[in-house]
C-alpha atoms as a PDB file:
ATOM      1  CA  MET A   1    -117.899 157.697 -62.118  1.00  0.00           C
ATOM      2  CA  GLY A   2    -117.516 155.238 -64.909  1.00  0.00           C
ATOM      3  CA  GLY A   3    -115.633 155.785 -67.993  1.00  0.00           C
ATOM      4  CA  VAL A   4    -114.506 159.404 -67.468  1.00  0.00           C
ATOM      5  CA  MET A   5    -110.796 159.251 -68.307  1.00  0.00           C
ATOM      6  CA  PRO A   6    -108.740 160.387 -71.221  1.00  0.00           C
ATOM      7  CA  ASN A   7    -108.428 157.850 -74.191  1.00  0.00           C
ATOM      8  CA  LEU A   8    -105.279 156.360 -75.610  1.00  0.00           C
ATOM      9  CA  PRO A   9    -104.525 159.129 -78.287  1.00  0.00           C
ATOM     10  CA  MET A  10    -104.524 161.875 -75.531  1.00  0.00           C
ATOM     11  CA  HIS A  11    -102.272 159.760 -73.298  1.00  0.00           C
ATOM     12  CA  LEU A  12     -99.823 159.276 -76.122  1.00  0.00           C
ATOM     13  CA  TYR A  13     -99.993 162.868 -77.059  1.00  0.00           C
ATOM     14  CA  LEU A  14     -99.317 164.119 -73.338  1.00  0.00           C
ATOM     15  CA  ALA A  15     -96.479 161.611 -72.902  1.00  0.00           C
ATOM     16  CA  TYR A  16     -94.820 162.750 -76.198  1.00  0.00           C
ATOM     17  CA  GLN A  17     -95.225 166.404 -75.102  1.00  0.00           C
ATOM     18  CA  THR A  18     -93.606 165.551 -71.759  1.00  0.00           C
ATOM     19  CA  ALA A  19     -90.715 163.678 -73.326  1.00  0.00           C
ATOM     20  CA  GLU A  20     -90.064 166.628 -75.713  1.00  0.00           C
ATOM     21  CA  ARG A  21     -89.973 169.128 -72.950  1.00  0.00           C
ATOM     22  CA  LEU A  22     -87.729 167.106 -70.645  1.00  0.00           C
ATOM     23  CA  ASP A  23     -85.284 166.181 -73.569  1.00  0.00           C
ATOM     24  CA  TRP A  24     -83.571 163.541 -71.450  1.00  0.00           C
ATOM     25  CA  GLY A  25     -81.297 161.515 -73.593  1.00  0.00           C
ATOM     26  CA  PHE A  26     -82.555 158.114 -72.676  1.00  0.00           C
ATOM     27  CA  LEU A  27     -86.059 159.049 -73.802  1.00  0.00           C
ATOM     28  CA  HIS A  28     -84.931 159.475 -77.448  1.00  0.00           C
ATOM     29  CA  ASP A  29     -83.804 155.971 -77.644  1.00  0.00           C
ATOM     30  CA  ASN A  30     -86.876 154.545 -75.770  1.00  0.00           C
ATOM     31  CA  LEU A  31     -89.855 156.530 -76.942  1.00  0.00           C
ATOM     32  CA  GLY A  32     -91.723 153.301 -77.665  1.00  0.00           C
ATOM     33  CA  SER A  33     -91.331 152.258 -74.177  1.00  0.00           C
ATOM     34  CA  CYS A  34     -92.536 155.897 -72.900  1.00  0.00           C
ATOM     35  CA  TRP A  35     -95.701 155.337 -75.155  1.00  0.00           C
ATOM     36  CA  LEU A  36     -96.253 151.880 -73.954  1.00  0.00           C
ATOM     37  CA  GLY A  37     -96.121 153.167 -70.276  1.00  0.00           C
ATOM     38  CA  SER A  38     -98.608 156.135 -71.102  1.00  0.00           C
ATOM     39  CA  SER A  39    -101.093 153.447 -72.123  1.00  0.00           C
ATOM     40  CA  ALA A  40    -100.336 150.614 -69.621  1.00  0.00           C
ATOM     41  CA  PRO A  41    -102.587 151.703 -66.593  1.00  0.00           C
ATOM     42  CA  ASP A  42    -105.525 150.816 -68.878  1.00  0.00           C
ATOM     43  CA  VAL A  43    -104.338 147.378 -69.322  1.00  0.00           C
ATOM     44  CA  ARG A  44    -107.092 146.572 -66.763  1.00  0.00           C
ATOM     45  CA  ALA A  45    -109.477 146.688 -69.772  1.00  0.00           C
ATOM     46  CA  MET A  46    -107.830 143.578 -71.034  1.00  0.00           C
ATOM     47  CA  THR A  47    -107.155 141.888 -67.769  1.00  0.00           C
ATOM     48  CA  HIS A  48    -110.242 143.007 -65.794  1.00  0.00           C
ATOM     49  CA  TRP A  49    -108.029 143.950 -62.716  1.00  0.00           C
ATOM     50  CA  PRO A  50    -109.427 146.406 -60.198  1.00  0.00           C
ATOM     51  CA  ARG A  51    -108.593 150.032 -61.257  1.00  0.00           C
ATOM     52  CA  GLU A  52    -106.513 150.727 -58.108  1.00  0.00           C
ATOM     53  CA  ARG A  53    -104.142 147.775 -59.097  1.00  0.00           C
ATOM     54  CA  THR A  54    -102.762 149.794 -62.126  1.00  0.00           C
ATOM     55  CA  HIS A  55    -103.777 153.420 -61.126  1.00  0.00           C
ATOM     56  CA  PHE A  56    -102.670 153.225 -57.468  1.00  0.00           C
ATOM     57  CA  ALA A  57    -105.494 155.666 -56.496  1.00  0.00           C
ATOM     58  CA  PRO A  58    -109.249 155.487 -56.474  1.00  0.00           C
ATOM     59  CA  LEU A  59    -111.628 157.509 -58.629  1.00  0.00           C
ATOM     60  CA  SER A  60    -112.381 159.520 -55.513  1.00  0.00           C
ATOM     61  CA  VAL A  61    -108.778 160.926 -55.713  1.00  0.00           C
ATOM     62  CA  GLU A  62    -108.517 164.513 -54.301  1.00  0.00           C
ATOM     63  CA  GLN A  63    -104.940 165.345 -55.006  1.00  0.00           C
ATOM     64  CA  VAL A  64    -103.138 165.216 -58.344  1.00  0.00           C
ATOM     65  CA  GLY A  65    -100.086 163.052 -57.858  1.00  0.00           C
ATOM     66  CA  GLN A  66    -101.608 160.627 -55.445  1.00  0.00           C
ATOM     67  CA  GLY A  67    -101.328 157.673 -57.807  1.00  0.00           C
ATOM     68  CA  THR A  68     -97.746 158.431 -58.748  1.00  0.00           C
ATOM     69  CA  ARG A  69     -96.611 158.920 -55.083  1.00  0.00           C
ATOM     70  CA  GLU A  70     -98.323 155.614 -54.118  1.00  0.00           C
ATOM     71  CA  MET A  71     -96.681 153.774 -56.997  1.00  0.00           C
ATOM     72  CA  PHE A  72     -93.201 154.796 -55.941  1.00  0.00           C
ATOM     73  CA  GLN A  73     -93.902 154.155 -52.190  1.00  0.00           C
ATOM     74  CA  ARG A  74     -95.114 150.764 -52.937  1.00  0.00           C
ATOM     75  CA  HIS A  75     -92.200 150.062 -55.275  1.00  0.00           C
ATOM     76  CA  PRO A  76     -89.326 152.301 -54.079  1.00  0.00           C
ATOM     77  CA  ASP A  77     -86.764 150.425 -56.285  1.00  0.00           C
ATOM     78  CA  LEU A  78     -88.352 151.981 -59.278  1.00  0.00           C
ATOM     79  CA  ALA A  79     -86.929 155.443 -58.162  1.00  0.00           C
ATOM     80  CA  ASP A  80     -83.342 154.072 -57.957  1.00  0.00           C
ATOM     81  CA  GLN A  81     -81.743 155.129 -61.232  1.00  0.00           C
ATOM     82  CA  ALA A  82     -78.790 152.996 -60.724  1.00  0.00           C
ATOM     83  CA  ARG A  83     -80.908 149.892 -60.661  1.00  0.00           C
ATOM     84  CA  VAL A  84     -83.607 150.885 -63.265  1.00  0.00           C
ATOM     85  CA  SER A  85     -82.927 150.338 -67.089  1.00  0.00           C
ATOM     86  CA  SER A  86     -83.456 153.176 -69.486  1.00  0.00           C
ATOM     87  CA  ALA A  87     -86.374 151.426 -71.023  1.00  0.00           C
ATOM     88  CA  THR A  88     -88.006 151.072 -67.654  1.00  0.00           C
ATOM     89  CA  ARG A  89     -87.355 154.793 -66.706  1.00  0.00           C
ATOM     90  CA  ALA A  90     -89.070 155.763 -70.164  1.00  0.00           C
ATOM     91  CA  PHE A  91     -91.965 153.451 -69.455  1.00  0.00           C
ATOM     92  CA  LEU A  92     -92.417 155.042 -65.972  1.00  0.00           C
ATOM     93  CA  LEU A  93     -92.332 158.570 -67.388  1.00  0.00           C
ATOM     94  CA  GLY A  94     -95.238 157.485 -69.706  1.00  0.00           C
ATOM     95  CA  TYR A  95     -96.947 155.773 -66.818  1.00  0.00           C
ATOM     96  CA  VAL A  96     -96.806 158.934 -64.569  1.00  0.00           C
ATOM     97  CA  SER A  97     -98.173 160.947 -67.564  1.00  0.00           C
ATOM     98  CA  HIS A  98    -101.097 158.649 -67.568  1.00  0.00           C
ATOM     99  CA  LEU A  99    -101.925 158.726 -63.949  1.00  0.00           C
ATOM    100  CA  THR A 100    -101.514 162.521 -63.822  1.00  0.00           C
ATOM    101  CA  ALA A 101    -103.646 163.048 -66.886  1.00  0.00           C
ATOM    102  CA  ASP A 102    -106.533 160.984 -65.317  1.00  0.00           C
ATOM    103  CA  GLU A 103    -106.249 162.795 -61.932  1.00  0.00           C
ATOM    104  CA  VAL A 104    -106.343 166.157 -63.483  1.00  0.00           C
ATOM    105  CA  TRP A 105    -109.352 165.379 -65.637  1.00  0.00           C
ATOM    106  CA  ILE A 106    -111.192 163.913 -62.559  1.00  0.00           C
ATOM    107  CA  THR A 107    -110.359 166.873 -60.380  1.00  0.00           C
ATOM    108  CA  THR A 108    -110.789 169.770 -62.752  1.00  0.00           C
ATOM    109  CA  VAL A 109    -113.136 168.716 -65.445  1.00  0.00           C
ATOM    110  CA  PHE A 110    -115.416 165.617 -64.606  1.00  0.00           C
ATOM    111  CA  ARG A 111    -116.043 166.247 -60.979  1.00  0.00           C
ATOM    112  CA  PRO A 112    -116.971 170.024 -61.149  1.00  0.00           C
ATOM    113  CA  HIS A 113    -118.959 169.744 -64.366  1.00  0.00           C
ATOM    114  CA  PHE A 114    -120.269 166.276 -64.767  1.00  0.00           C
ATOM    115  CA  ASP A 115    -120.482 164.411 -61.476  1.00  0.00           C
ATOM    116  CA  HIS A 116    -124.085 164.550 -60.411  1.00  0.00           C
ATOM    117  CA  SER A 117    -123.464 162.499 -57.333  1.00  0.00           C
ATOM    118  CA  LEU A 118    -122.124 165.746 -55.856  1.00  0.00           C
ATOM    119  CA  GLY A 119    -125.287 167.694 -56.394  1.00  0.00           C
ATOM    120  CA  GLU A 120    -126.613 169.871 -59.261  1.00  0.00           C
ATOM    121  CA  GLU A 121    -124.862 173.191 -58.634  1.00  0.00           C
ATOM    122  CA  GLY A 122    -122.342 173.989 -61.201  1.00  0.00           C
ATOM    123  CA  ARG A 123    -123.102 170.948 -63.348  1.00  0.00           C
ATOM    124  CA  ALA A 124    -123.065 171.420 -67.046  1.00  0.00           C
ATOM    125  CA  THR A 125    -125.909 168.978 -67.831  1.00  0.00           C
ATOM    126  CA  GLY A 126    -129.308 168.118 -66.407  1.00  0.00           C
ATOM    127  CA  THR A 127    -128.793 164.408 -66.043  1.00  0.00           C
ATOM    128  CA  GLN A 128    -125.977 161.842 -65.303  1.00  0.00           C
ATOM    129  CA  LEU A 129    -126.709 160.167 -68.615  1.00  0.00           C
ATOM    130  CA  GLU A 130    -126.098 163.305 -70.568  1.00  0.00           C
ATOM    131  CA  ALA A 131    -123.076 164.191 -68.361  1.00  0.00           C
ATOM    132  CA  HIS A 132    -121.470 160.890 -69.291  1.00  0.00           C
ATOM    133  CA  LEU A 133    -122.355 161.440 -73.020  1.00  0.00           C
ATOM    134  CA  TRP A 134    -120.884 164.878 -73.140  1.00  0.00           C
ATOM    135  CA  ASP A 135    -117.795 163.749 -71.122  1.00  0.00           C
ATOM    136  CA  ARG A 136    -117.169 161.037 -73.694  1.00  0.00           C
ATOM    137  CA  ALA A 137    -117.760 163.366 -76.663  1.00  0.00           C
ATOM    138  CA  LEU A 138    -115.234 165.882 -75.250  1.00  0.00           C
ATOM    139  CA  GLN A 139    -112.634 162.994 -74.847  1.00  0.00           C
ATOM    140  CA  LEU A 140    -113.232 161.882 -78.395  1.00  0.00           C
ATOM    141  CA  ASP A 141    -112.909 165.379 -79.840  1.00  0.00           C
ATOM    142  CA  MET A 142    -109.595 165.757 -77.946  1.00  0.00           C
ATOM    143  CA  ASP A 143    -108.524 162.493 -79.534  1.00  0.00           C
ATOM    144  CA  ARG A 144    -109.414 163.762 -82.942  1.00  0.00           C
ATOM    145  CA  ARG A 145    -107.586 166.894 -82.501  1.00  0.00           C
ATOM    146  CA  VAL A 146    -104.338 165.496 -81.089  1.00  0.00           C
ATOM    147  CA  SER A 147    -104.252 162.788 -83.675  1.00  0.00           C
ATOM    148  CA  GLN A 148    -104.141 165.500 -86.267  1.00  0.00           C
ATOM    149  CA  ALA A 149    -101.701 167.691 -84.341  1.00  0.00           C
ATOM    150  CA  MET A 150     -98.921 165.234 -83.362  1.00  0.00           C
ATOM    151  CA  PRO A 151     -96.558 164.428 -86.342  1.00  0.00           C
ATOM    152  CA  ALA A 152     -95.169 161.393 -84.632  1.00  0.00           C
ATOM    153  CA  PHE A 153     -98.462 159.419 -84.547  1.00  0.00           C
ATOM    154  CA  PRO A 154     -97.815 157.674 -87.777  1.00  0.00           C
ATOM    155  CA  GLN A 155     -94.482 156.477 -86.340  1.00  0.00           C
ATOM    156  CA  ALA A 156     -95.913 155.240 -83.067  1.00  0.00           C
ATOM    157  CA  THR A 157     -96.893 151.930 -84.417  1.00  0.00           C
ATOM    158  CA  ALA A 158     -93.277 151.173 -85.389  1.00  0.00           C
ATOM    159  CA  ALA A 159     -91.821 152.639 -82.126  1.00  0.00           C
ATOM    160  CA  LEU A 160     -93.977 150.381 -80.061  1.00  0.00           C
ATOM    161  CA  ALA A 161     -92.531 147.302 -81.647  1.00  0.00           C
ATOM    162  CA  CYS A 162     -90.866 145.319 -78.834  1.00  0.00           C
ATOM    163  CA  ALA A 163     -91.324 148.425 -76.575  1.00  0.00           C
ATOM    164  CA  GLU A 164     -91.850 146.130 -73.565  1.00  0.00           C
ATOM    165  CA  SER A 165     -88.091 144.754 -74.159  1.00  0.00           C
ATOM    166  CA  GLY A 166     -86.034 145.884 -71.319  1.00  0.00           C
ATOM    167  CA  VAL A 167     -88.918 147.158 -69.196  1.00  0.00           C
ATOM    168  CA  SER A 168     -89.194 145.602 -65.707  1.00  0.00           C
ATOM    169  CA  VAL A 169     -91.853 146.741 -63.176  1.00  0.00           C
ATOM    170  CA  ALA A 170     -92.974 144.453 -60.411  1.00  0.00           C
ATOM    171  CA  PHE A 171     -96.728 145.013 -61.196  1.00  0.00           C
ATOM    172  CA  PHE A 172     -96.670 143.714 -64.827  1.00  0.00           C
ATOM    173  CA  ASP A 173     -95.283 140.387 -65.981  1.00  0.00           C
ATOM    174  CA  ASP A 174     -93.781 140.320 -69.444  1.00  0.00           C
ATOM    175  CA  GLN A 175     -96.617 138.287 -71.125  1.00  0.00           C
ATOM    176  CA  VAL A 176     -99.164 140.988 -70.063  1.00  0.00           C
ATOM    177  CA  LEU A 177     -97.055 143.840 -71.384  1.00  0.00           C
ATOM    178  CA  GLN A 178     -96.484 142.032 -74.715  1.00  0.00           C
ATOM    179  CA  GLU A 179    -100.189 141.374 -75.287  1.00  0.00           C
ATOM    180  CA  TRP A 180    -101.115 145.010 -74.237  1.00  0.00           C
ATOM    181  CA  ARG A 181     -98.528 146.429 -76.506  1.00  0.00           C
ATOM    182  CA  ALA A 182     -99.994 144.305 -79.457  1.00  0.00           C
ATOM    183  CA  TRP A 183    -103.359 145.740 -78.609  1.00  0.00           C
ATOM    184  CA  VAL A 184    -102.218 149.292 -78.625  1.00  0.00           C
ATOM    185  CA  GLN A 185    -100.542 148.867 -81.945  1.00  0.00           C
ATOM    186  CA  ARG A 186    -103.730 147.477 -83.489  1.00  0.00           C
ATOM    187  CA  PHE A 187    -105.732 150.467 -82.045  1.00  0.00           C
ATOM    188  CA  LEU A 188    -103.352 152.939 -83.728  1.00  0.00           C
ATOM    189  CA  GLY A 189    -104.241 151.330 -87.025  1.00  0.00           C
ATOM    190  CA  TRP A 190    -107.958 152.234 -86.643  1.00  0.00           C
ATOM    191  CA  GLU A 191    -109.321 155.433 -88.297  1.00  0.00           C
ATOM    192  CA  PHE A 192    -111.090 157.898 -86.026  1.00  0.00           C
ATOM    193  CA  SER A 193    -114.908 157.416 -85.945  1.00  0.00           C
ATOM    194  CA  TRP A 194    -117.496 159.045 -83.868  1.00  0.00           C
ATOM    195  CA  GLN A 195    -119.145 155.588 -83.668  1.00  0.00           C
ATOM    196  CA  ARG A 196    -116.656 155.159 -80.828  1.00  0.00           C
ATOM    197  CA  LEU A 197    -118.975 157.402 -78.773  1.00  0.00           C
ATOM    198  CA  LYS A 198    -121.767 154.799 -79.292  1.00  0.00           C
ATOM    199  CA  ARG A 199    -119.603 151.939 -78.195  1.00  0.00           C
ATOM    200  CA  ALA A 200    -118.369 153.856 -75.086  1.00  0.00           C
ATOM    201  CA  MET A 201    -121.878 154.549 -73.918  1.00  0.00           C
ATOM    202  CA  ASN A 202    -122.950 150.979 -74.774  1.00  0.00           C
ATOM    203  CA  ARG A 203    -120.296 149.700 -72.458  1.00  0.00           C
ATOM    204  CA  MET A 204    -121.200 152.056 -69.785  1.00  0.00           C
ATOM    205  CA  TYR A 205    -124.950 151.414 -69.861  1.00  0.00           C
ATOM    206  CA  ARG A 206    -124.893 147.783 -70.824  1.00  0.00           C
ATOM    207  CA  ASP A 207    -126.834 147.598 -73.999  1.00  0.00           C
ATOM    208  CA  ASN A 208    -129.572 150.091 -72.683  1.00  0.00           C
ATOM    209  CA  ALA A 209    -131.820 150.778 -75.787  1.00  0.00           C
ATOM    210  CA  GLU A 210    -133.006 154.042 -74.392  1.00  0.00           C
ATOM    211  CA  VAL A 211    -129.552 155.226 -73.906  1.00  0.00           C
ATOM    212  CA  GLN A 212    -128.633 154.367 -77.626  1.00  0.00           C
ATOM    213  CA  VAL A 213    -131.549 156.463 -78.738  1.00  0.00           C
ATOM    214  CA  VAL A 214    -129.993 159.360 -76.961  1.00  0.00           C
ATOM    215  CA  VAL A 215    -126.560 158.766 -78.425  1.00  0.00           C
ATOM    216  CA  ASP A 216    -128.012 158.265 -81.949  1.00  0.00           C
ATOM    217  CA  GLN A 217    -129.720 161.646 -81.791  1.00  0.00           C
ATOM    218  CA  PHE A 218    -126.498 163.355 -80.508  1.00  0.00           C
ATOM    219  CA  LEU A 219    -124.568 161.800 -83.426  1.00  0.00           C
ATOM    220  CA  GLU A 220    -127.378 162.714 -85.928  1.00  0.00           C
ATOM    221  CA  GLU A 221    -127.307 166.280 -84.798  1.00  0.00           C
ATOM    222  CA  MET A 222    -123.452 166.761 -85.169  1.00  0.00           C
ATOM    223  CA  PRO A 223    -121.855 169.200 -85.187  1.00  0.00           C
ATOM    224  CA  ARG A 224    -124.597 171.210 -83.440  1.00  0.00           C
ATOM    225  CA  SER A 225    -124.705 168.793 -80.562  1.00  0.00           C
ATOM    226  CA  LEU A 226    -121.030 169.126 -80.053  1.00  0.00           C
ATOM    227  CA  GLU A 227    -121.311 172.965 -80.202  1.00  0.00           C
ATOM    228  CA  ARG A 228    -123.788 172.847 -77.426  1.00  0.00           C
ATOM    229  CA  VAL A 229    -121.313 170.986 -75.304  1.00  0.00           C
ATOM    230  CA  TYR A 230    -118.627 173.611 -75.989  1.00  0.00           C
ATOM    231  CA  ALA A 231    -121.015 176.277 -75.058  1.00  0.00           C
ATOM    232  CA  LYS A 232    -121.044 174.922 -71.576  1.00  0.00           C
ATOM    233  CA  ILE A 233    -117.417 173.765 -71.424  1.00  0.00           C
ATOM    234  CA  PRO A 234    -115.370 176.174 -73.540  1.00  0.00           C
ATOM    235  CA  GLU A 235    -112.424 174.891 -75.501  1.00  0.00           C
ATOM    236  CA  GLU A 236    -110.155 177.123 -73.249  1.00  0.00           C
ATOM    237  CA  LYS A 237    -111.134 174.752 -70.446  1.00  0.00           C
ATOM    238  CA  LEU A 238    -109.726 171.774 -72.405  1.00  0.00           C
ATOM    239  CA  ALA A 239    -106.482 173.676 -73.226  1.00  0.00           C
ATOM    240  CA  ALA A 240    -106.131 174.455 -69.629  1.00  0.00           C
ATOM    241  CA  TYR A 241    -106.596 170.826 -68.684  1.00  0.00           C
ATOM    242  CA  GLN A 242    -103.932 169.806 -71.170  1.00  0.00           C
ATOM    243  CA  GLN A 243    -101.510 172.354 -69.860  1.00  0.00           C
ATOM    244  CA  GLN A 244    -102.178 171.504 -66.253  1.00  0.00           C
ATOM    245  CA  ALA A 245    -101.688 167.783 -66.873  1.00  0.00           C
ATOM    246  CA  LEU A 246     -98.449 168.548 -68.706  1.00  0.00           C
ATOM    247  CA  ASP A 247     -97.008 170.793 -65.894  1.00  0.00           C
ATOM    248  CA  MET A 248     -97.912 168.392 -63.221  1.00  0.00           C
ATOM    249  CA  THR A 249     -96.304 165.481 -65.145  1.00  0.00           C
ATOM    250  CA  LEU A 250     -93.156 167.397 -65.562  1.00  0.00           C
ATOM    251  CA  ALA A 251     -93.094 168.234 -61.836  1.00  0.00           C
ATOM    252  CA  LEU A 252     -93.622 164.595 -60.872  1.00  0.00           C
ATOM    253  CA  ALA A 253     -91.144 163.324 -63.413  1.00  0.00           C
ATOM    254  CA  ARG A 254     -88.440 165.611 -62.016  1.00  0.00           C
ATOM    255  CA  GLU A 255     -89.388 164.622 -58.469  1.00  0.00           C
ATOM    256  CA  TRP A 256     -89.113 160.828 -58.959  1.00  0.00           C
ATOM    257  CA  LEU A 257     -87.284 160.102 -62.144  1.00  0.00           C
ATOM    258  CA  GLU A 258     -84.576 162.707 -62.713  1.00  0.00           C
END
């Protein structure tokens, strides 16, 4: 089940929406740390760590919230508000948002519609290759939409400056967080491009020339190719995904961080 998770823009957006709804005072002063936390589980793309080291749950996760609960069970001190800095709490809120968004996507979108290892019934596509392509296309289209919808995105780069300062979690050292924060800031300076779809599929299928032909055709036929995806996976499904990810994040944040 490679490469099936939401991208950085969606994670930043969901963390921002969560912070807005909670309206906890310390979040207003540490929004950059919250954004950093919402991206941090994917640091493994830079460090090449196993996924479970940063996500605290396998891709076979069955229950939303499994990663969050495992994180706090392994590191119970993080739930002790008297010992955790405001920057760390903000970082953890973003982190919980990321874990939750991934788990909701796996359980409600990818697995029922795109995971051909579970059989053909109910799958939106005829092949696993097409499933991965459609999954990535939906993710990128969500990125495009939320980048336009979130007024705070232009300020995110500035807010992330030194966002790791004051953050203390046992599973990241300061140098790793600093290097990752710099990468996230660079990413936010890039313009949206559908060529990211080609790069994502290239990473997934390791320079497979036949796959690149399929991706090129999908891009050449835009927007009709994307319309075919939405004919099988309605936009309402993606709206429901975002709402469920937000609702579950709010519930888990109140359980562990309030």
